[in-house]
Protein backbone atom coordinates (compact mmCIF):
# COMPACT_ATOMS: atom_id res chain seq x y z
CA UNK A 1 -8.12 -0.13 223.56
CA UNK A 2 -6.70 2.06 226.33
CA UNK A 3 -8.44 1.67 229.66
CA UNK A 4 -8.01 4.39 232.25
CA UNK A 5 -7.42 3.69 235.89
CA UNK A 6 -10.41 3.25 238.14
CA UNK A 7 -9.80 6.70 239.66
CA UNK A 8 -9.74 8.37 236.24
CA UNK A 9 -12.80 6.46 235.15
CA UNK A 10 -14.60 7.47 238.33
CA UNK A 11 -13.60 11.06 237.63
CA UNK A 12 -15.25 10.95 234.24
CA UNK A 13 -18.25 9.10 235.59
CA UNK A 14 -18.55 11.76 238.24
CA UNK A 15 -19.62 14.09 235.46
CA UNK A 16 -22.63 11.87 235.00
CA UNK A 17 -23.66 12.89 238.51
CA UNK A 18 -24.57 16.27 237.03
CA UNK A 19 -26.90 14.48 234.64
CA UNK A 20 -28.17 12.39 237.54
CA UNK A 21 -29.02 15.44 239.63
CA UNK A 22 -30.67 17.03 236.61
CA UNK A 23 -32.80 13.92 236.17
CA UNK A 24 -33.77 13.77 239.82
CA UNK A 25 -34.93 17.38 239.78
CA UNK A 26 -37.94 16.16 237.80
CA UNK A 27 -39.97 14.60 240.65
CA UNK A 28 -40.25 17.86 242.66
CA UNK A 29 -42.39 19.88 240.19
CA UNK A 30 -44.31 16.72 239.30
CA UNK A 31 -45.11 16.17 242.98
CA UNK A 32 -46.36 19.76 243.27
CA UNK A 33 -48.52 19.29 240.16
CA UNK A 34 -49.92 16.06 241.61
CA UNK A 35 -50.78 17.76 244.92
CA UNK A 36 -52.46 20.63 243.05
CA UNK A 37 -54.46 18.17 240.94
CA UNK A 38 -55.58 16.26 244.04
CA UNK A 39 -56.63 19.48 245.77
CA UNK A 40 -58.60 20.56 242.70
CA UNK A 41 -60.40 17.21 242.46
CA UNK A 42 -60.99 17.15 246.21
CA UNK A 43 -62.67 20.56 246.05
CA UNK A 44 -64.80 19.81 242.98
CA UNK A 45 -65.60 16.18 243.80
CA UNK A 46 -65.60 15.54 247.57
CA UNK A 47 -65.83 11.77 247.03
CA UNK A 48 -62.37 11.89 245.46
CA UNK A 49 -60.78 12.71 248.82
CA UNK A 50 -62.36 9.76 250.65
CA UNK A 51 -60.02 7.16 252.13
CA UNK A 52 -61.49 4.32 250.08
CA UNK A 53 -61.04 6.15 246.77
CA UNK A 54 -57.49 7.33 247.46
CA UNK A 55 -56.48 3.90 248.73
CA UNK A 56 -58.00 2.28 245.63
CA UNK A 57 -55.99 4.61 243.37
CA UNK A 58 -52.75 3.90 245.25
CA UNK A 59 -53.31 0.14 245.25
CA UNK A 60 -54.11 0.12 241.53
CA UNK A 61 -50.98 2.14 240.75
CA UNK A 62 -48.81 -0.12 242.90
CA UNK A 63 -49.35 -3.08 240.57
CA UNK A 64 -48.19 -1.25 237.44
CA UNK A 65 -45.51 0.63 239.36
CA UNK A 66 -43.49 -2.53 239.97
CA UNK A 67 -43.07 -2.77 236.20
CA UNK A 68 -41.80 0.81 235.90
CA UNK A 69 -38.89 0.24 238.30
CA UNK A 70 -36.62 -1.64 235.92
CA UNK A 71 -38.19 -0.11 232.80
CA UNK A 72 -37.05 3.38 233.79
CA UNK A 73 -33.45 2.30 234.29
CA UNK A 74 -33.43 0.66 230.85
CA UNK A 75 -34.50 4.03 229.40
CA UNK A 76 -31.83 5.83 231.43
CA UNK A 77 -29.29 3.45 229.91
CA UNK A 78 -30.26 4.51 226.40
CA UNK A 79 -32.48 1.54 225.47
CA UNK A 80 -36.20 0.74 225.67
CA UNK A 81 -38.13 -2.40 226.56
CA UNK A 82 -41.57 -2.51 224.94
CA UNK A 83 -42.06 -6.16 225.91
CA UNK A 84 -42.89 -5.27 229.54
CA UNK A 85 -46.67 -5.43 229.03
CA UNK A 86 -46.44 -8.89 227.50
CA UNK A 87 -44.06 -10.13 230.22
CA UNK A 88 -46.50 -8.65 232.73
CA UNK A 89 -49.24 -10.86 231.26
CA UNK A 90 -47.00 -13.89 230.74
CA UNK A 91 -45.87 -14.25 234.35
CA UNK A 92 -49.39 -13.98 235.73
CA UNK A 93 -50.74 -16.56 233.31
CA UNK A 94 -47.71 -18.84 233.81
CA UNK A 95 -48.16 -18.79 237.58
CA UNK A 96 -51.87 -19.62 237.24
CA UNK A 97 -51.17 -22.44 234.77
CA UNK A 98 -48.41 -23.97 236.89
CA UNK A 99 -50.70 -23.99 239.91
CA UNK A 100 -53.46 -25.56 237.82
CA UNK A 101 -50.96 -28.36 237.13
CA UNK A 102 -50.43 -28.89 240.85
CA UNK A 103 -47.31 -26.77 241.47
CA UNK A 104 -47.45 -24.99 244.88
CA UNK A 105 -47.77 -21.22 244.84
CA UNK A 106 -44.21 -20.22 245.78
CA UNK A 107 -42.41 -22.52 243.31
CA UNK A 108 -44.93 -21.46 240.64
CA UNK A 109 -44.14 -17.80 241.24
CA UNK A 110 -40.41 -18.53 241.24
CA UNK A 111 -40.58 -20.45 237.95
CA UNK A 112 -42.66 -17.70 236.34
CA UNK A 113 -40.10 -15.08 237.37
CA UNK A 114 -37.29 -17.27 236.02
CA UNK A 115 -39.19 -17.31 232.72
CA UNK A 116 -39.42 -13.52 232.83
CA UNK A 117 -35.70 -13.26 233.56
CA UNK A 118 -34.93 -15.47 230.56
CA UNK A 119 -37.01 -13.20 228.32
CA UNK A 120 -35.09 -10.20 229.64
CA UNK A 121 -31.79 -12.04 229.12
CA UNK A 122 -32.67 -12.81 225.49
CA UNK A 123 -33.59 -9.16 224.89
CA UNK A 124 -30.39 -7.91 226.49
CA UNK A 125 -28.16 -10.49 224.82
CA UNK A 126 -29.45 -9.67 221.33
CA UNK A 127 -29.13 -5.93 221.93
CA UNK A 128 -25.60 -6.22 223.33
CA UNK A 129 -24.15 -9.04 221.24
CA UNK A 130 -25.67 -8.24 217.85
CA UNK A 131 -26.48 -4.55 218.42
CA UNK A 132 -30.11 -5.07 217.47
CA UNK A 133 -32.22 -1.94 217.86
CA UNK A 134 -33.99 -2.41 221.21
CA UNK A 135 -37.17 -0.70 220.01
CA UNK A 136 -37.65 -3.08 217.08
CA UNK A 137 -36.42 -6.12 219.00
CA UNK A 138 -38.74 -5.68 221.95
CA UNK A 139 -41.70 -5.05 219.66
CA UNK A 140 -41.01 -8.52 218.28
CA UNK A 141 -40.56 -9.95 221.78
CA UNK A 142 -43.78 -8.22 222.81
CA UNK A 143 -45.71 -10.04 220.08
CA UNK A 144 -44.13 -13.43 220.78
CA UNK A 145 -44.59 -13.29 224.55
CA UNK A 146 -48.10 -11.90 224.20
CA UNK A 147 -48.90 -14.88 222.00
CA UNK A 148 -47.63 -17.25 224.70
CA UNK A 149 -49.69 -15.44 227.34
CA UNK A 150 -52.79 -15.62 225.14
CA UNK A 151 -52.30 -19.37 224.62
CA UNK A 152 -52.09 -19.90 228.37
CA UNK A 153 -55.12 -17.69 229.00
CA UNK A 154 -57.06 -19.63 226.36
CA UNK A 155 -56.02 -22.93 227.94
CA UNK A 156 -57.20 -21.74 231.33
CA UNK A 157 -60.42 -20.49 229.66
CA UNK A 158 -61.04 -17.77 232.21
CA UNK A 159 -60.84 -20.23 235.08
CA UNK A 160 -60.52 -18.87 238.61
CA UNK A 161 -57.00 -19.16 239.96
CA UNK A 162 -56.23 -21.35 242.96
CA UNK A 163 -56.99 -19.74 246.32
CA UNK A 164 -53.33 -19.46 247.47
CA UNK A 165 -52.57 -17.49 244.31
CA UNK A 166 -55.61 -15.23 244.74
CA UNK A 167 -54.46 -14.38 248.25
CA UNK A 168 -50.97 -13.22 247.21
CA UNK A 169 -52.10 -9.72 246.20
CA UNK A 170 -54.26 -9.39 249.32
CA UNK A 171 -51.64 -9.81 252.02
CA UNK A 172 -51.95 -6.94 254.46
CA UNK A 173 -49.85 -5.27 257.13
CA UNK A 174 -52.46 -3.92 259.50
CA UNK A 175 -54.92 -2.02 257.32
CA UNK A 176 -52.48 -1.48 254.43
CA UNK A 177 -51.74 -3.83 251.58
CA UNK A 178 -48.24 -5.34 251.93
CA UNK A 179 -47.31 -4.70 248.29
CA UNK A 180 -48.09 -1.01 248.58
CA UNK A 181 -45.62 -0.84 251.46
CA UNK A 182 -43.06 -2.87 249.46
CA UNK A 183 -43.44 -0.50 246.50
CA UNK A 184 -42.84 2.58 248.65
CA UNK A 185 -39.73 1.00 250.17
CA UNK A 186 -38.40 -0.06 246.75
CA UNK A 187 -39.06 3.38 245.28
CA UNK A 188 -37.08 5.00 248.08
CA UNK A 189 -34.26 2.47 247.69
CA UNK A 190 -34.12 3.01 243.93
CA UNK A 191 -34.05 6.76 244.54
CA UNK A 192 -31.12 6.39 246.95
CA UNK A 193 -29.40 4.09 244.46
CA UNK A 194 -29.74 6.70 241.69
CA UNK A 195 -28.23 9.40 243.88
CA UNK A 196 -25.51 7.53 245.70
CA UNK A 197 -24.29 4.43 243.84
CA UNK A 198 -21.57 4.50 241.21
CA UNK A 199 -23.41 1.87 239.16
CA UNK A 200 -26.24 4.37 238.73
CA UNK A 201 -23.74 6.94 237.47
CA UNK A 202 -22.49 4.39 234.99
CA UNK A 203 -26.04 3.74 233.77
CA UNK A 204 -26.51 7.45 233.08
CA UNK A 205 -23.08 7.65 231.47
CA UNK A 206 -23.97 4.78 229.12
CA UNK A 207 -27.19 6.56 228.22
CA UNK A 208 -25.34 9.82 227.57
CA UNK A 209 -22.55 8.30 225.48
CA UNK A 210 -22.08 4.52 225.32
CA UNK A 211 -18.89 4.83 223.24
CA UNK A 212 -17.25 7.12 225.79
CA UNK A 213 -18.36 4.88 228.65
CA UNK A 214 -16.72 1.84 227.00
CA UNK A 215 -13.50 3.75 226.31
CA UNK A 216 -13.19 4.59 229.98
CA UNK A 217 -13.67 1.04 231.17
CA UNK A 218 -17.39 0.80 231.86
CA UNK A 219 -18.73 -2.67 231.05
CA UNK A 220 -21.65 -1.26 229.11
CA UNK A 221 -22.72 -4.58 227.60
CA UNK A 222 -22.96 -6.45 230.90
CA UNK A 223 -24.75 -3.52 232.53
CA UNK A 224 -27.30 -3.22 229.73
CA UNK A 225 -27.92 -6.97 229.85
CA UNK A 226 -28.56 -6.74 233.58
CA UNK A 227 -30.98 -3.85 233.08
CA UNK A 228 -33.08 -5.84 230.59
CA UNK A 229 -33.24 -8.76 233.03
CA UNK A 230 -34.24 -6.37 235.83
CA UNK A 231 -36.93 -4.81 233.63
CA UNK A 232 -38.44 -8.21 232.84
CA UNK A 233 -38.35 -9.39 236.45
CA UNK A 234 -39.97 -6.25 237.87
CA UNK A 235 -42.62 -6.43 235.14
CA UNK A 236 -43.11 -10.07 236.09
CA UNK A 237 -43.65 -9.20 239.76
CA UNK A 238 -46.29 -6.65 238.80
CA UNK A 239 -47.96 -9.14 236.45
CA UNK A 240 -48.17 -11.82 239.13
CA UNK A 241 -49.77 -9.36 241.56
CA UNK A 242 -52.20 -8.10 238.89
CA UNK A 243 -53.25 -11.65 237.98
CA UNK A 244 -53.68 -12.48 241.65
CA UNK A 245 -55.87 -9.41 242.09
CA UNK A 246 -57.95 -10.28 239.00
CA UNK A 247 -58.45 -13.81 240.41
CA UNK A 248 -58.91 -15.33 236.93
CA UNK A 249 -57.15 -15.72 233.58
CA UNK A 250 -57.61 -12.48 231.65
CA UNK A 251 -56.08 -12.25 228.15
CA UNK A 252 -56.29 -8.43 228.24
CA UNK A 253 -54.03 -8.02 231.24
CA UNK A 254 -51.08 -5.72 230.56
CA UNK A 255 -52.37 -4.55 227.17
CA UNK A 256 -50.92 -1.12 226.40
CA UNK A 257 -48.93 -1.08 229.64
CA UNK A 258 -45.68 -0.31 227.80
CA UNK A 259 -47.08 2.97 226.47
CA UNK A 260 -48.38 3.93 229.91
CA UNK A 261 -44.91 3.29 231.34
CA UNK A 262 -43.22 5.35 228.62
CA UNK A 263 -45.57 8.26 229.37
CA UNK A 264 -45.02 7.99 233.13
CA UNK A 265 -41.25 7.70 232.79
CA UNK A 266 -40.95 10.75 230.50
CA UNK A 267 -43.30 12.78 232.71
CA UNK A 268 -41.06 11.76 235.61
CA UNK A 269 -37.90 13.02 233.93
CA UNK A 270 -36.69 10.23 231.62
CA UNK A 271 -35.69 10.65 227.98
CA UNK A 272 -36.12 8.36 225.00
CA UNK A 273 -32.51 9.16 224.05
CA UNK A 274 -31.16 7.92 227.39
CA UNK A 275 -28.98 9.59 229.98
CA UNK A 276 -31.92 10.83 232.03
CA UNK A 277 -34.44 9.12 234.24
CA UNK A 278 -35.78 8.82 237.76
CA UNK A 279 -37.55 5.81 239.26
CA UNK A 280 -39.33 7.93 241.93
CA UNK A 281 -40.29 10.36 239.18
CA UNK A 282 -41.69 7.54 237.02
CA UNK A 283 -43.72 6.19 239.95
CA UNK A 284 -45.07 9.69 240.56
CA UNK A 285 -45.82 9.90 236.83
CA UNK A 286 -47.92 6.74 237.05
CA UNK A 287 -49.74 8.13 240.08
CA UNK A 288 -50.33 11.42 238.25
CA UNK A 289 -51.87 9.57 235.28
CA UNK A 290 -53.98 7.40 237.62
CA UNK A 291 -55.34 10.48 239.40
CA UNK A 292 -56.23 12.04 236.03
CA UNK A 293 -58.13 8.87 235.03
CA UNK A 294 -59.82 8.69 238.43
CA UNK A 295 -60.87 12.31 238.10
CA UNK A 296 -62.33 11.65 234.65
CA UNK A 297 -64.30 8.74 236.10
CA UNK A 298 -65.61 11.08 238.80
CA UNK A 299 -66.80 13.44 236.07
CA UNK A 300 -68.37 10.57 234.08
CA UNK A 301 -66.03 10.99 231.10
CA UNK A 302 -66.47 8.27 228.47
CA UNK A 303 -63.82 5.50 228.57
CA UNK A 304 -62.84 6.21 224.95
CA UNK A 305 -62.23 9.85 225.85
CA UNK A 306 -60.11 8.70 228.79
CA UNK A 307 -57.92 6.69 226.38
CA UNK A 308 -57.73 9.71 224.10
CA UNK A 309 -56.51 11.91 226.97
CA UNK A 310 -53.79 9.40 227.92
CA UNK A 311 -52.77 9.17 224.26
CA UNK A 312 -52.53 12.96 224.03
CA UNK A 313 -50.39 13.00 227.17
CA UNK A 314 -48.07 10.40 225.61
CA UNK A 315 -47.69 12.46 222.43
CA UNK A 316 -47.13 15.62 224.49
CA UNK A 317 -44.53 13.90 226.69
CA UNK A 318 -42.59 12.52 223.70
CA UNK A 319 -42.78 15.89 221.91
CA UNK A 320 -41.51 17.69 225.00
CA UNK A 321 -38.66 15.19 225.29
CA UNK A 322 -37.74 15.85 221.64
CA UNK A 323 -37.70 19.61 222.26
CA UNK A 324 -35.49 19.17 225.32
CA UNK A 325 -33.07 17.01 223.32
CA UNK A 326 -32.88 19.56 220.51
CA UNK A 327 -32.40 22.40 222.98
CA UNK A 328 -29.58 20.52 224.73
CA UNK A 329 -27.98 19.60 221.40
CA UNK A 330 -28.33 15.83 221.87
């Protein structure tokens, strides 16, 4: 196989910057739509605009938003990781179980994240080495890891987690939760990474055309493997924080999260075919969905109807993505 020089490869990869800029154009209209939605709800339901309600929405989103960080980059690289919801549950339950066995909080969290990284490594290795379809593979991983999480939740029998673990999600900087600040910083850093770093351009190039990327010297396999590990670890961080906030073993934690993340990522500019995606856009997508749900709660909409609305948004987002792909000839 002929490998071009690094300068030539960078020249080709520079074309992916066009795709990158196109992807990052997504957050701007979404942000305007979010502001308009908030103004509408604030005018019709004054309690929506209260500090406590807005802070509650932001804090709730921050837990799931950690999971969308790596997930979005996997999509941009042309793959998908539907095991994130199960990994989300697994790490929280694993941390609680390790602490129940006497392991201190920090080593317990570290071991749980190592477990998440191993799950991501297995996903990435099978996709790269044996070219297994990531959709089908991660559905299988989702079921296996969910089973492990359910076993741990059953073993803990709804027991309250140890106090040091319960306090993790409640660390504050002044009057603001620490993890909300961390999420904002990470979202900005990921946004800068997408715009400025050549690795980000390579991710988009792999998503656009993996064969072309390999021809021009991009180590597509290693990069995809790294993205699956990143997706699992960021999902694990969110799961640990969610379990800490719940304070007890909950077998339902993370159920359906993968579909929420898909919806948010596509709303934020990602594509199921790869080559497009924006972490800031996906985070905004999650916030947009959370505001919609919060507004429906304000209007006393039945929970089943709320699920129906989110489902309709998922179908609409996927359908729109399909139309965009057909229009662009991909």
